[in-house]
Amino acid sequence: MTPPARSPAAPDPLGIDDITVIDPATLKKSVTAAALGNAMEWFDFGVYGFVAYALGQVFFPSASPAVQTIAALGTFSVPFLVRPLGGVVFGIIGDRLGRQKVLSLTIVIMAVSTFCIGLIPSFATIGIWAPILLLLCKLAQGFSVGGEYTGAAIFVAEYAPDRRRGFLGSWLDFGSIIGFVTGAGLVVLLQSLLGEHSFLDWGWRIPFFVAGPLGLLGLYLRHAVEETPAFTQHLENMEKGDQGAVQDHPTVSILEIARTYRKALLVCVGMVLVTNVTYYMLLTYMPTYLSSNLGYSQQNGVMIIIAVMIGMLFVQPVVGFLSDKIGRRPFLIAGSLGLVVMAFPSFTLIGSDSPARIFLGLLILAVILNCFTGVMASTLPALFPTRIRYSALASSFNVAIIVAGLTPTVAALLVERTDNLMVPAYYLMVAALIGLLTAVFLPETANRPLRGDTPNASSPQEAAVLLQETYDRIEQRVEDVDADILKLEGELDALRRKRERLVGQHPELD
């Protein structure tokens, strides 16, 4: 293994000691801590989506059933407007003080605000203050979630070995699905045990109270893990006086990030849009769609969604594993094409009277969604360097989430206004076109270090292989440059000969 030749002024070449070998126990603990926090985030979203009809009656009792549902889903969507603010604030803190500190803070805010929803009196008790307090709790959730998913994705990506980043990153959204399944399952169990009257009276509060102990567990796990190797290395470079790190550390300008990393930001926005529009359409809006628009019983509709999500659990890590073998871009392309082709047939099946067909239609959309969620957590952090990774990813991610988070509300409004049950399918097809456009510009990041970072390996033997691959890539680039130089020299010689012929024919041109 021979390092490439370098000039005396060039930086030291990558050595075996520069490759971080990740301890398996630490890696497992880090992925678990990140996934649990994400599970709690989506536990709340899942519960809220499944009890939206109950919340509509408790907090908006004077409205019609359709308006109650839209109002409850609107309260779900409004917090997305403050997520970019949370993303900017937590992104800057995460790039300055570290990822682990921010993730500990966001899970506390999320747990407290979710718990407090269960404490809010009904409209009949305190009047207009009931929906106002609900909105305030949802705004607090939106602010904390602004730094939660992106921070967790960065945390896992910076810990993961390069050759397993797709597989390990997929467990983050595995936690999301677990959160949905747990939330939905708890709602169904309570409805069965308590009955409709008791559930509407007080039973709906219980799922929100569960957030308290879940938050404490998540906080304990996140406090137990160390800062990521990539950020630790960044701090060490700062202490050593590395000019690249020092120059950008004092302030992290969002405007400067937007100018320098415009393409990466747009790719991030596109991928987040297609993923989360599909996510919210399937896992948040579909229970309401089945019950309010198709007349399907609430409990049966929820059970079908739970079964679909359990199926997603088996597909999710498989997609992550395969993305380490064949790349991330193929799955973004496959998922987007799948939506374009299958959205309309899926909703045709969902609109039937057959439970089997409804399940099949939802399952098709779920597998397509797996194509996005299986690679998103490993793809997005690789778009930006360590020093601005949290700020750039959190800001762009949450700008896109504003649009994606409106999906349940907009879909409900469009169906109500147009009386066309296929509107959600058209909505998904538009999102799919955005996904296809994003795939054109998405750089392939599988089996490569995060942007600007040294490689991560799972063993010393793998570190040696990664080092050799790094040198091979450098040598290939040198060969490509040499080939380009030879090509340019050939073109220059051809131009010289042409000039000589022209001068020979027209001496006055000399």
Protein backbone atom coordinates (compact mmCIF):
# COMPACT_ATOMS: atom_id res chain seq x y z
CA MET A 1 0.00 0.00 0.00
CA THR A 2 1.86 3.04 -1.28
CA PRO A 3 0.57 6.56 -0.58
CA PRO A 4 0.34 8.87 -3.57
CA ALA A 5 3.22 11.24 -4.15
CA ARG A 6 2.71 14.77 -2.81
CA SER A 7 4.52 18.06 -2.89
CA PRO A 8 6.20 19.38 0.28
CA ALA A 9 3.43 21.97 0.65
CA ALA A 10 0.61 19.40 0.43
CA PRO A 11 -1.17 18.18 3.57
CA ASP A 12 -0.22 14.84 5.05
CA PRO A 13 -1.86 11.93 3.22
CA LEU A 14 -4.50 9.84 4.96
CA GLY A 15 -2.95 7.20 7.22
CA ILE A 16 -4.33 4.13 8.97
CA ASP A 17 -4.46 6.06 12.26
CA ASP A 18 -6.75 8.64 10.65
CA ILE A 19 -9.49 6.06 10.11
CA THR A 20 -11.89 5.76 13.06
CA VAL A 21 -12.64 2.19 14.13
CA ILE A 22 -16.05 2.23 15.81
CA ASP A 23 -16.56 0.13 18.94
CA PRO A 24 -19.54 -2.22 18.29
CA ALA A 25 -21.06 -1.75 21.78
CA THR A 26 -20.86 2.04 21.53
CA LEU A 27 -22.33 1.94 18.03
CA LYS A 28 -25.28 -0.18 19.16
CA LYS A 29 -25.97 2.10 22.12
CA SER A 30 -25.83 5.20 19.91
CA VAL A 31 -28.23 3.84 17.31
CA THR A 32 -30.63 2.69 20.04
CA ALA A 33 -30.60 6.09 21.76
CA ALA A 34 -31.23 7.94 18.50
CA ALA A 35 -33.97 5.56 17.34
CA LEU A 36 -35.81 5.69 20.68
CA GLY A 37 -36.06 9.46 20.58
CA ASN A 38 -37.37 9.27 17.04
CA ALA A 39 -39.86 6.60 18.10
CA MET A 40 -41.19 8.93 20.77
CA GLU A 41 -41.55 11.77 18.26
CA TRP A 42 -43.61 9.62 15.91
CA PHE A 43 -45.50 7.99 18.78
CA ASP A 44 -47.05 11.40 19.38
CA PHE A 45 -47.72 11.98 15.67
CA GLY A 46 -49.28 8.53 15.40
CA VAL A 47 -51.48 8.99 18.46
CA TYR A 48 -52.57 12.43 17.29
CA GLY A 49 -53.51 11.17 13.85
CA PHE A 50 -55.47 8.22 15.25
CA VAL A 51 -57.38 10.26 17.86
CA ALA A 52 -57.94 13.33 15.66
CA TYR A 53 -61.66 12.58 15.52
CA ALA A 54 -61.81 12.51 19.35
CA LEU A 55 -59.78 15.69 19.72
CA GLY A 56 -62.09 17.40 17.25
CA GLN A 57 -65.08 16.63 19.47
CA VAL A 58 -63.28 17.57 22.70
CA PHE A 59 -61.69 20.84 21.56
CA PHE A 60 -64.03 21.93 18.73
CA PRO A 61 -67.46 20.64 19.84
CA SER A 62 -69.62 23.22 18.06
CA ALA A 63 -68.33 22.42 14.56
CA SER A 64 -69.67 19.83 12.13
CA PRO A 65 -67.93 16.41 12.12
CA ALA A 66 -66.01 17.23 8.92
CA VAL A 67 -64.89 20.62 10.24
CA GLN A 68 -63.95 19.04 13.59
CA THR A 69 -61.61 16.66 11.79
CA ILE A 70 -60.10 19.41 9.65
CA ALA A 71 -59.62 21.62 12.73
CA ALA A 72 -57.89 18.84 14.67
CA LEU A 73 -55.62 18.03 11.72
CA GLY A 74 -55.00 21.76 11.27
CA THR A 75 -53.74 21.94 14.86
CA PHE A 76 -51.46 19.04 13.92
CA SER A 77 -50.11 20.94 10.91
CA VAL A 78 -49.62 24.44 12.38
CA PRO A 79 -46.57 23.45 14.52
CA PHE A 80 -44.69 22.67 11.32
CA LEU A 81 -44.48 26.42 10.78
CA VAL A 82 -42.15 26.76 13.80
CA ARG A 83 -40.00 23.75 12.94
CA PRO A 84 -37.60 25.80 10.78
CA LEU A 85 -37.02 28.11 13.77
CA GLY A 86 -36.26 25.10 15.94
CA GLY A 87 -34.03 23.72 13.19
CA VAL A 88 -32.00 26.94 12.97
CA VAL A 89 -31.64 27.29 16.75
CA PHE A 90 -30.78 23.66 17.48
CA GLY A 91 -28.65 23.41 14.32
CA ILE A 92 -26.41 26.27 15.42
CA ILE A 93 -26.17 24.86 18.95
CA GLY A 94 -25.43 21.39 17.57
CA ASP A 95 -22.60 22.68 15.35
CA ARG A 96 -21.09 24.69 18.20
CA LEU A 97 -21.63 22.55 21.32
CA GLY A 98 -22.24 19.06 19.95
CA ARG A 99 -24.94 16.69 18.78
CA GLN A 100 -25.42 14.80 22.04
CA LYS A 101 -26.33 17.89 24.07
CA VAL A 102 -28.98 19.01 21.61
CA LEU A 103 -30.57 15.56 21.39
CA SER A 104 -30.85 15.43 25.19
CA LEU A 105 -32.60 18.80 25.18
CA THR A 106 -35.01 18.08 22.34
CA ILE A 107 -36.28 14.84 23.88
CA VAL A 108 -37.05 16.65 27.14
CA ILE A 109 -39.06 19.37 25.39
CA MET A 110 -40.88 16.78 23.31
CA ALA A 111 -41.78 14.62 26.31
CA VAL A 112 -43.02 17.52 28.46
CA SER A 113 -45.15 19.10 25.72
CA THR A 114 -46.70 15.76 24.75
CA PHE A 115 -47.45 14.93 28.38
CA CYS A 116 -49.12 18.32 28.84
CA ILE A 117 -51.59 17.66 26.01
CA GLY A 118 -53.10 14.99 28.21
CA LEU A 119 -53.61 17.55 30.99
CA ILE A 120 -55.57 20.12 28.95
CA PRO A 121 -59.23 20.49 30.06
CA SER A 122 -61.93 20.21 27.41
CA PHE A 123 -63.65 23.08 25.62
CA ALA A 124 -66.70 22.49 27.80
CA THR A 125 -64.58 23.19 30.89
CA ILE A 126 -62.41 26.19 29.97
CA GLY A 127 -63.81 27.33 26.64
CA ILE A 128 -61.53 28.84 24.01
CA TRP A 129 -58.47 28.30 26.22
CA ALA A 130 -58.66 24.56 25.49
CA PRO A 131 -57.73 24.76 21.78
CA ILE A 132 -55.27 27.59 22.56
CA LEU A 133 -53.41 25.43 25.09
CA LEU A 134 -53.48 22.53 22.63
CA LEU A 135 -51.91 24.76 20.00
CA LEU A 136 -49.21 25.98 22.42
CA CYS A 137 -48.25 22.40 23.27
CA LYS A 138 -48.12 21.51 19.58
CA LEU A 139 -45.94 24.57 18.89
CA ALA A 140 -43.50 23.44 21.61
CA GLN A 141 -43.43 20.02 20.00
CA GLY A 142 -42.79 21.55 16.59
CA PHE A 143 -39.90 23.62 17.95
CA SER A 144 -38.21 20.62 19.57
CA VAL A 145 -38.81 18.32 16.60
CA GLY A 146 -37.04 20.93 14.47
CA GLY A 147 -33.79 19.62 15.89
CA GLU A 148 -34.77 16.04 16.71
CA TYR A 149 -34.85 13.99 13.51
CA THR A 150 -31.97 15.76 11.80
CA GLY A 151 -29.85 15.58 14.95
CA ALA A 152 -30.59 11.88 15.37
CA ALA A 153 -29.80 11.20 11.70
CA ILE A 154 -26.49 13.06 12.01
CA PHE A 155 -25.70 11.25 15.26
CA VAL A 156 -26.16 7.82 13.67
CA ALA A 157 -24.43 8.79 10.41
CA GLU A 158 -21.35 10.16 12.17
CA TYR A 159 -21.06 7.02 14.29
CA ALA A 160 -21.76 4.50 11.53
CA PRO A 161 -18.98 2.73 9.60
CA ASP A 162 -19.00 3.85 5.98
CA ARG A 163 -19.94 0.40 4.65
CA ARG A 164 -22.92 0.04 7.03
CA ARG A 165 -24.29 3.59 7.15
CA GLY A 166 -27.36 2.72 5.08
CA PHE A 167 -28.30 -0.27 7.22
CA LEU A 168 -27.69 1.50 10.54
CA GLY A 169 -29.40 4.69 9.39
CA SER A 170 -32.50 2.72 8.42
CA TRP A 171 -33.09 1.88 12.08
CA LEU A 172 -33.84 5.53 12.76
CA ASP A 173 -37.06 5.38 10.73
CA PHE A 174 -37.58 1.85 12.03
CA GLY A 175 -37.99 3.67 15.35
CA SER A 176 -40.47 6.03 13.67
CA ILE A 177 -42.60 3.11 12.53
CA ILE A 178 -42.37 1.48 15.97
CA GLY A 179 -43.60 4.75 17.44
CA PHE A 180 -46.56 4.79 15.07
CA VAL A 181 -47.40 1.14 15.75
CA THR A 182 -47.18 1.63 19.51
CA GLY A 183 -49.31 4.76 19.43
CA ALA A 184 -51.93 3.24 17.16
CA GLY A 185 -52.00 -0.03 19.09
CA LEU A 186 -52.47 1.79 22.38
CA VAL A 187 -55.37 3.80 20.91
CA VAL A 188 -57.09 0.63 19.65
CA LEU A 189 -56.57 -1.13 22.98
CA LEU A 190 -58.02 1.77 24.95
CA GLN A 191 -61.01 2.07 22.61
CA SER A 192 -61.72 -1.64 23.03
CA LEU A 193 -61.37 -1.62 26.82
CA LEU A 194 -63.06 1.68 27.59
CA GLY A 195 -65.73 1.99 24.94
CA GLU A 196 -66.46 5.01 22.77
CA HIS A 197 -68.01 7.18 25.53
CA SER A 198 -65.26 6.73 28.12
CA PHE A 199 -62.55 7.09 25.48
CA LEU A 200 -63.97 10.43 24.34
CA ASP A 201 -64.48 11.53 27.94
CA TRP A 202 -61.00 10.81 29.32
CA GLY A 203 -59.37 7.75 27.73
CA TRP A 204 -57.81 9.73 24.86
CA ARG A 205 -55.50 11.39 27.41
CA ILE A 206 -53.71 8.19 28.41
CA PRO A 207 -51.50 7.84 25.28
CA PHE A 208 -50.17 11.36 25.83
CA PHE A 209 -49.30 10.56 29.46
CA VAL A 210 -47.15 7.65 28.23
CA ALA A 211 -44.74 10.25 26.79
CA GLY A 212 -43.50 11.05 30.31
CA PRO A 213 -41.73 7.76 31.10
CA LEU A 214 -40.67 7.36 27.46
CA GLY A 215 -38.95 10.75 27.66
CA LEU A 216 -37.10 9.82 30.84
CA LEU A 217 -35.87 6.59 29.25
CA GLY A 218 -34.74 8.41 26.13
CA LEU A 219 -32.95 11.08 28.16
CA TYR A 220 -31.12 8.40 30.15
CA LEU A 221 -29.94 6.61 27.01
CA ARG A 222 -28.79 9.80 25.30
CA HIS A 223 -26.87 10.97 28.34
CA ALA A 224 -25.09 7.61 28.40
CA VAL A 225 -23.56 7.95 24.91
CA GLU A 226 -20.52 9.97 23.98
CA GLU A 227 -20.22 12.70 21.36
CA THR A 228 -19.81 11.49 17.78
CA PRO A 229 -16.29 10.77 16.47
CA ALA A 230 -16.70 13.26 13.61
CA PHE A 231 -17.63 16.17 15.87
CA THR A 232 -14.96 15.20 18.40
CA GLN A 233 -12.38 15.26 15.61
CA HIS A 234 -13.69 18.66 14.51
CA LEU A 235 -13.15 20.03 18.05
CA GLU A 236 -9.64 18.56 18.10
CA ASN A 237 -8.87 20.33 14.83
CA MET A 238 -10.10 23.54 16.41
CA GLU A 239 -7.76 23.09 19.36
CA LYS A 240 -4.85 22.37 17.03
CA GLY A 241 -5.54 25.58 15.13
CA ASP A 242 -6.76 24.01 11.91
CA GLN A 243 -7.55 27.06 9.77
CA GLY A 244 -10.49 25.46 7.97
CA ALA A 245 -12.19 24.70 11.27
CA VAL A 246 -11.25 27.96 12.97
CA GLN A 247 -12.45 30.10 10.11
CA ASP A 248 -16.00 28.80 10.19
CA HIS A 249 -16.46 28.03 13.89
CA PRO A 250 -17.18 31.44 15.45
CA THR A 251 -20.39 31.97 13.46
CA VAL A 252 -22.49 29.68 11.30
CA SER A 253 -24.27 31.90 8.79
CA ILE A 254 -27.37 30.36 7.24
CA LEU A 255 -27.06 32.78 4.31
CA GLU A 256 -23.47 31.71 3.72
CA ILE A 257 -24.54 28.07 3.85
CA ALA A 258 -27.28 28.82 1.31
CA ARG A 259 -24.79 30.43 -1.07
CA THR A 260 -22.07 27.79 -0.75
CA TYR A 261 -24.19 24.62 -0.58
CA ARG A 262 -27.19 25.60 -2.72
CA LYS A 263 -27.32 22.34 -4.66
CA ALA A 264 -27.05 20.17 -1.54
CA LEU A 265 -29.79 22.18 0.17
CA LEU A 266 -32.15 21.79 -2.79
CA VAL A 267 -31.47 18.05 -2.94
CA CYS A 268 -32.24 17.80 0.76
CA VAL A 269 -35.51 19.73 0.35
CA GLY A 270 -36.60 17.55 -2.56
CA MET A 271 -35.90 14.28 -0.78
CA VAL A 272 -37.62 15.42 2.41
CA LEU A 273 -40.69 16.53 0.45
CA VAL A 274 -41.30 13.28 -1.40
CA THR A 275 -40.56 11.17 1.71
CA ASN A 276 -42.69 13.06 4.20
CA VAL A 277 -45.62 13.83 1.93
CA THR A 278 -45.90 10.07 1.45
CA TYR A 279 -45.31 9.46 5.16
CA TYR A 280 -48.00 11.83 6.40
CA MET A 281 -50.46 10.81 3.71
CA LEU A 282 -50.18 7.14 4.59
CA LEU A 283 -49.62 7.10 8.34
CA THR A 284 -51.41 10.24 9.55
CA TYR A 285 -54.17 11.00 7.05
CA MET A 286 -55.24 7.49 6.05
CA PRO A 287 -57.00 6.57 9.35
CA THR A 288 -59.13 9.72 9.00
CA TYR A 289 -59.64 9.11 5.27
CA LEU A 290 -60.88 5.57 5.90
CA SER A 291 -63.32 6.57 8.64
CA SER A 292 -64.53 10.03 7.58
CA ASN A 293 -64.58 9.66 3.78
CA LEU A 294 -65.07 5.96 3.16
CA GLY A 295 -67.34 5.18 6.11
CA TYR A 296 -65.00 2.48 7.38
CA SER A 297 -65.15 1.85 11.12
CA GLN A 298 -62.46 3.72 13.05
CA GLN A 299 -61.20 0.62 14.81
CA ASN A 300 -61.02 -1.54 11.67
CA GLY A 301 -59.27 1.25 9.79
CA VAL A 302 -56.66 1.60 12.51
CA MET A 303 -56.09 -2.16 12.62
CA ILE A 304 -55.39 -2.23 8.88
CA ILE A 305 -52.91 0.65 9.22
CA ILE A 306 -51.20 -1.16 12.12
CA ALA A 307 -50.88 -4.32 10.01
CA VAL A 308 -49.38 -2.29 7.16
CA MET A 309 -46.87 -0.62 9.47
CA ILE A 310 -45.82 -3.97 10.92
CA GLY A 311 -45.11 -5.07 7.36
CA MET A 312 -42.99 -1.94 6.88
CA LEU A 313 -40.84 -2.97 9.85
CA PHE A 314 -39.61 -6.02 7.94
CA VAL A 315 -38.86 -4.08 4.75
CA GLN A 316 -37.14 -1.07 6.35
CA PRO A 317 -33.76 -2.59 7.36
CA VAL A 318 -33.66 -4.62 4.14
CA VAL A 319 -33.76 -1.42 2.08
CA GLY A 320 -31.02 0.09 4.27
CA PHE A 321 -28.87 -3.03 3.89
CA LEU A 322 -29.30 -3.15 0.11
CA SER A 323 -28.52 0.56 -0.20
CA ASP A 324 -25.04 -0.20 1.13
CA LYS A 325 -24.64 -2.65 -1.74
CA ILE A 326 -26.23 -0.89 -4.73
CA GLY A 327 -26.45 2.74 -3.59
CA ARG A 328 -29.04 5.24 -2.33
CA ARG A 329 -30.09 6.81 -5.65
CA PRO A 330 -31.70 3.62 -7.06
CA PHE A 331 -34.16 3.55 -4.17
CA LEU A 332 -35.11 7.20 -4.52
CA ILE A 333 -35.72 6.60 -8.24
CA ALA A 334 -37.65 3.37 -7.62
CA GLY A 335 -39.85 4.96 -4.93
CA SER A 336 -40.63 8.01 -7.06
CA LEU A 337 -41.48 5.93 -10.13
CA GLY A 338 -43.54 3.65 -7.92
CA LEU A 339 -45.67 6.59 -6.77
CA VAL A 340 -46.20 7.86 -10.30
CA VAL A 341 -47.33 4.45 -11.52
CA MET A 342 -49.07 3.00 -8.46
CA ALA A 343 -50.66 5.93 -6.56
CA PHE A 344 -53.90 5.87 -8.57
CA PRO A 345 -54.31 2.05 -8.58
CA SER A 346 -53.55 1.99 -4.84
CA PHE A 347 -56.29 4.47 -4.01
CA THR A 348 -58.67 2.59 -6.29
CA LEU A 349 -58.04 -0.48 -4.13
CA ILE A 350 -58.36 1.54 -0.93
CA GLY A 351 -61.74 2.87 -2.09
CA SER A 352 -63.17 -0.64 -2.48
CA ASP A 353 -65.40 -2.43 0.04
CA SER A 354 -62.99 -5.33 0.45
CA PRO A 355 -60.68 -5.30 3.51
CA ALA A 356 -58.16 -7.38 1.55
CA ARG A 357 -58.07 -4.84 -1.28
CA ILE A 358 -57.82 -1.94 1.14
CA PHE A 359 -54.89 -3.65 2.84
CA LEU A 360 -53.21 -4.35 -0.51
CA GLY A 361 -53.58 -0.71 -1.63
CA LEU A 362 -52.08 0.57 1.62
CA LEU A 363 -49.32 -2.05 1.53
CA ILE A 364 -48.23 -0.93 -1.95
CA LEU A 365 -47.89 2.65 -0.71
CA ALA A 366 -46.06 1.41 2.40
CA VAL A 367 -43.42 -0.50 0.41
CA ILE A 368 -42.91 2.57 -1.78
CA LEU A 369 -42.49 4.64 1.38
CA ASN A 370 -39.85 2.17 2.60
CA CYS A 371 -37.77 3.04 -0.47
CA PHE A 372 -37.52 6.60 0.84
CA THR A 373 -37.29 6.05 4.60
CA GLY A 374 -34.78 3.23 4.21
CA VAL A 375 -32.14 5.60 2.78
CA MET A 376 -33.05 9.11 3.97
CA ALA A 377 -31.21 9.06 7.31
CA SER A 378 -27.98 7.87 5.66
CA THR A 379 -28.23 10.12 2.60
CA LEU A 380 -28.99 13.57 3.99
CA PRO A 381 -26.13 13.93 6.53
CA ALA A 382 -23.64 12.99 3.79
CA LEU A 383 -24.55 16.12 1.80
CA PHE A 384 -22.79 18.56 4.18
CA PRO A 385 -19.42 18.78 6.01
CA THR A 386 -19.19 18.34 9.79
CA ARG A 387 -18.70 22.00 10.69
CA ILE A 388 -22.08 23.06 9.25
CA ARG A 389 -23.85 19.69 8.95
CA TYR A 390 -26.42 20.23 11.71
CA SER A 391 -27.25 23.83 10.75
CA ALA A 392 -27.55 23.11 7.03
CA LEU A 393 -29.52 19.89 7.38
CA ALA A 394 -31.89 21.12 10.10
CA SER A 395 -32.74 24.35 8.29
CA SER A 396 -33.35 22.80 4.85
CA PHE A 397 -35.10 19.73 6.27
CA ASN A 398 -37.57 21.79 8.27
CA VAL A 399 -38.32 24.23 5.47
CA ALA A 400 -39.44 21.24 3.40
CA ILE A 401 -41.38 19.86 6.36
CA ILE A 402 -43.61 22.96 6.38
CA VAL A 403 -45.03 21.82 3.05
CA ALA A 404 -45.02 18.10 3.84
CA GLY A 405 -46.62 18.62 7.25
CA LEU A 406 -49.61 20.31 5.68
CA THR A 407 -50.40 17.10 3.78
CA PRO A 408 -53.16 15.76 6.11
CA THR A 409 -54.90 19.12 6.32
CA VAL A 410 -54.63 19.97 2.62
CA ALA A 411 -55.71 16.47 1.58
CA ALA A 412 -58.75 16.62 3.88
CA LEU A 413 -59.70 20.07 2.55
CA LEU A 414 -59.29 19.07 -1.10
CA VAL A 415 -61.38 15.94 -0.67
CA GLU A 416 -64.04 17.95 1.18
CA ARG A 417 -64.14 20.72 -1.44
CA THR A 418 -63.89 18.61 -4.60
CA ASP A 419 -65.78 15.55 -3.35
CA ASN A 420 -63.16 13.54 -5.25
CA LEU A 421 -61.70 10.63 -3.29
CA MET A 422 -58.78 10.28 -5.72
CA VAL A 423 -57.27 13.68 -4.88
CA PRO A 424 -54.72 12.12 -2.45
CA ALA A 425 -53.40 9.96 -5.31
CA TYR A 426 -52.79 13.03 -7.49
CA TYR A 427 -51.12 14.71 -4.52
CA LEU A 428 -48.68 11.80 -4.20
CA MET A 429 -47.96 11.80 -7.94
CA VAL A 430 -46.91 15.45 -7.80
CA ALA A 431 -44.59 14.64 -4.87
CA ALA A 432 -43.16 11.77 -6.92
CA LEU A 433 -42.18 14.12 -9.75
CA ILE A 434 -40.22 16.16 -7.21
CA GLY A 435 -38.52 12.93 -6.11
CA LEU A 436 -37.49 12.07 -9.64
CA LEU A 437 -36.04 15.53 -10.20
CA THR A 438 -34.14 15.25 -6.92
CA ALA A 439 -32.67 11.89 -7.93
CA VAL A 440 -31.10 13.49 -11.02
CA PHE A 441 -28.96 15.77 -8.84
CA LEU A 442 -28.42 13.47 -5.84
CA PRO A 443 -24.75 12.45 -5.51
CA GLU A 444 -24.17 8.81 -4.65
CA THR A 445 -22.83 8.56 -1.07
CA ALA A 446 -22.92 4.82 -0.35
CA ASN A 447 -19.68 3.29 0.98
CA ARG A 448 -17.97 6.68 1.17
CA PRO A 449 -16.97 8.86 4.14
CA LEU A 450 -19.26 11.69 5.09
CA ARG A 451 -18.43 14.89 3.23
CA GLY A 452 -15.16 16.33 4.53
CA ASP A 453 -14.66 13.54 7.11
CA THR A 454 -12.13 10.75 7.37
CA PRO A 455 -13.46 7.19 6.93
CA ASN A 456 -15.17 5.15 9.65
CA ALA A 457 -14.59 1.40 9.86
CA SER A 458 -16.06 -1.43 11.91
CA SER A 459 -12.71 -3.23 12.37
CA PRO A 460 -8.96 -2.70 11.86
CA GLN A 461 -9.09 -5.02 8.84
CA GLU A 462 -11.85 -2.95 7.25
CA ALA A 463 -9.85 0.22 8.01
CA ALA A 464 -6.94 -1.14 5.96
CA VAL A 465 -9.29 -1.91 3.07
CA LEU A 466 -10.83 1.57 3.24
CA LEU A 467 -7.40 3.15 3.21
CA GLN A 468 -6.43 1.24 0.11
CA GLU A 469 -9.71 2.19 -1.57
CA THR A 470 -9.02 5.84 -0.75
CA TYR A 471 -5.61 5.66 -2.40
CA ASP A 472 -7.14 3.84 -5.38
CA ARG A 473 -9.70 6.63 -5.83
CA ILE A 474 -6.94 9.25 -5.64
CA GLU A 475 -4.88 7.36 -8.22
CA GLN A 476 -7.94 7.07 -10.46
CA ARG A 477 -8.51 10.81 -10.22
CA VAL A 478 -4.86 11.42 -11.13
CA GLU A 479 -5.23 9.10 -14.12
CA ASP A 480 -8.41 10.92 -15.16
CA VAL A 481 -6.62 14.26 -14.92
CA ASP A 482 -3.67 12.88 -16.93
CA ALA A 483 -6.11 11.63 -19.57
CA ASP A 484 -7.77 15.03 -19.73
CA ILE A 485 -4.36 16.71 -20.12
CA LEU A 486 -3.42 14.35 -22.97
CA LYS A 487 -6.75 15.06 -24.65
CA LEU A 488 -6.25 18.82 -24.33
CA GLU A 489 -2.66 18.53 -25.66
CA GLY A 490 -4.00 16.60 -28.66
CA GLU A 491 -6.64 19.25 -29.30
CA LEU A 492 -3.96 21.96 -28.96
CA ASP A 493 -1.69 20.18 -31.49
CA ALA A 494 -4.64 19.91 -33.90
CA LEU A 495 -5.31 23.64 -33.55
CA ARG A 496 -1.64 24.41 -34.20
CA ARG A 497 -1.63 22.31 -37.39
CA LYS A 498 -4.81 23.97 -38.54
CA ARG A 499 -3.27 27.37 -37.90
CA GLU A 500 -0.17 26.43 -39.88
CA ARG A 501 -2.33 25.32 -42.83
CA LEU A 502 -4.32 28.54 -42.75
CA VAL A 503 -1.15 30.65 -42.60
CA GLY A 504 0.29 28.65 -45.51
CA GLN A 505 -2.78 29.36 -47.59
CA HIS A 506 -3.13 32.97 -46.44
CA PRO A 507 0.29 34.40 -45.46
CA GLU A 508 -1.32 37.75 -44.60
CA LEU A 509 -2.92 36.06 -41.53
CA ASP A 510 0.50 35.48 -39.94
